[in-house]
Amino acid sequence: MATATSGDSRAVRRAALRRASLQLLLGVVALDALAMGVYYYGGIQHGSQTTRMYFTVVWTVATALVVAVLLKRVRKIRVGR
């Protein structure tokens, strides 16, 4: 029985890891889609060089924060906490 329980817990953990990894991927894709929409439909592409640079910096920081938060979930599952 110990083997079946061990296998079941590994399957649950693997499913949770897949879910967390997919959330990470979709989080970054959603953020990028939102940022590109704001960039093009908000007229930032026609803004000054300074405006475009600030937008890029904010976009990069937001991406780093999203990845840090969601990757923390993936690591938590991998470690098993």
Protein backbone atom coordinates (compact mmCIF):
# COMPACT_ATOMS: atom_id res chain seq x y z
CA MET A 1 0.00 0.00 0.00
CA ALA A 2 2.84 2.42 0.70
CA THR A 3 3.83 2.35 -2.96
CA ALA A 4 0.31 3.22 -4.14
CA THR A 5 0.09 6.11 -1.68
CA SER A 6 3.52 7.32 -2.71
CA GLY A 7 2.55 7.13 -6.38
CA ASP A 8 -0.71 8.96 -5.71
CA SER A 9 1.02 11.77 -3.86
CA ARG A 10 3.56 12.11 -6.67
CA ALA A 11 0.76 12.36 -9.22
CA VAL A 12 -0.98 15.04 -7.16
CA ARG A 13 2.28 16.93 -6.78
CA ARG A 14 3.03 16.62 -10.51
CA ALA A 15 -0.44 17.97 -11.35
CA ALA A 16 0.07 20.90 -8.96
CA LEU A 17 3.46 21.60 -10.55
CA ARG A 18 1.92 21.60 -14.03
CA ARG A 19 -0.85 23.93 -12.87
CA ALA A 20 1.62 26.34 -11.23
CA SER A 21 3.87 26.29 -14.30
CA LEU A 22 0.92 26.99 -16.57
CA GLN A 23 -0.15 29.87 -14.31
CA LEU A 24 3.38 31.27 -14.58
CA LEU A 25 3.32 31.08 -18.36
CA LEU A 26 -0.19 32.51 -18.66
CA GLY A 27 0.61 35.28 -16.18
CA VAL A 28 3.54 36.48 -18.27
CA VAL A 29 1.58 36.16 -21.53
CA ALA A 30 -1.37 38.10 -20.07
CA LEU A 31 0.90 40.85 -18.75
CA ASP A 32 2.67 41.13 -22.11
CA ALA A 33 -0.64 41.25 -23.99
CA LEU A 34 -1.88 43.99 -21.66
CA ALA A 35 1.35 45.96 -21.99
CA MET A 36 1.36 45.69 -25.78
CA GLY A 37 -2.26 46.80 -25.90
CA VAL A 38 -1.50 49.83 -23.74
CA TYR A 39 1.58 50.59 -25.83
CA TYR A 40 -0.18 50.54 -29.18
CA TYR A 41 -3.73 51.58 -28.31
CA GLY A 42 -2.61 54.09 -25.72
CA GLY A 43 -0.46 55.89 -28.25
CA ILE A 44 2.80 55.36 -26.39
CA GLN A 45 4.44 54.25 -29.62
CA HIS A 46 4.06 57.83 -30.85
CA GLY A 47 5.28 59.34 -27.59
CA SER A 48 8.67 60.79 -26.87
CA GLN A 49 11.74 58.66 -26.40
CA THR A 50 11.59 59.33 -22.66
CA THR A 51 7.96 58.18 -22.44
CA ARG A 52 8.74 54.96 -24.30
CA MET A 53 11.76 54.33 -22.10
CA TYR A 54 9.74 54.78 -18.89
CA PHE A 55 7.05 52.50 -20.23
CA THR A 56 9.65 49.83 -21.03
CA VAL A 57 11.16 50.12 -17.55
CA VAL A 58 7.74 49.79 -15.88
CA TRP A 59 6.87 46.84 -18.13
CA THR A 60 10.14 45.10 -17.29
CA VAL A 61 9.72 45.63 -13.53
CA ALA A 62 6.11 44.39 -13.68
CA THR A 63 7.23 41.29 -15.57
CA ALA A 64 9.97 40.61 -13.03
CA LEU A 65 7.47 40.92 -10.16
CA VAL A 66 4.95 38.59 -11.82
CA VAL A 67 7.66 36.02 -12.51
CA ALA A 68 9.05 36.27 -8.97
CA VAL A 69 5.65 35.75 -7.35
CA LEU A 70 4.52 32.91 -9.62
CA LEU A 71 7.91 31.20 -9.70
CA LYS A 72 7.86 31.17 -5.90
CA ARG A 73 4.74 29.00 -6.13
CA VAL A 74 6.47 26.60 -8.52
CA ARG A 75 9.49 26.33 -6.25
CA LYS A 76 7.27 25.75 -3.21
CA ILE A 77 5.63 22.79 -4.94
CA ARG A 78 8.96 21.38 -6.16
CA VAL A 79 10.46 21.53 -2.68
CA GLY A 80 7.33 20.01 -1.22
CA ARG A 81 6.34 22.58 1.37
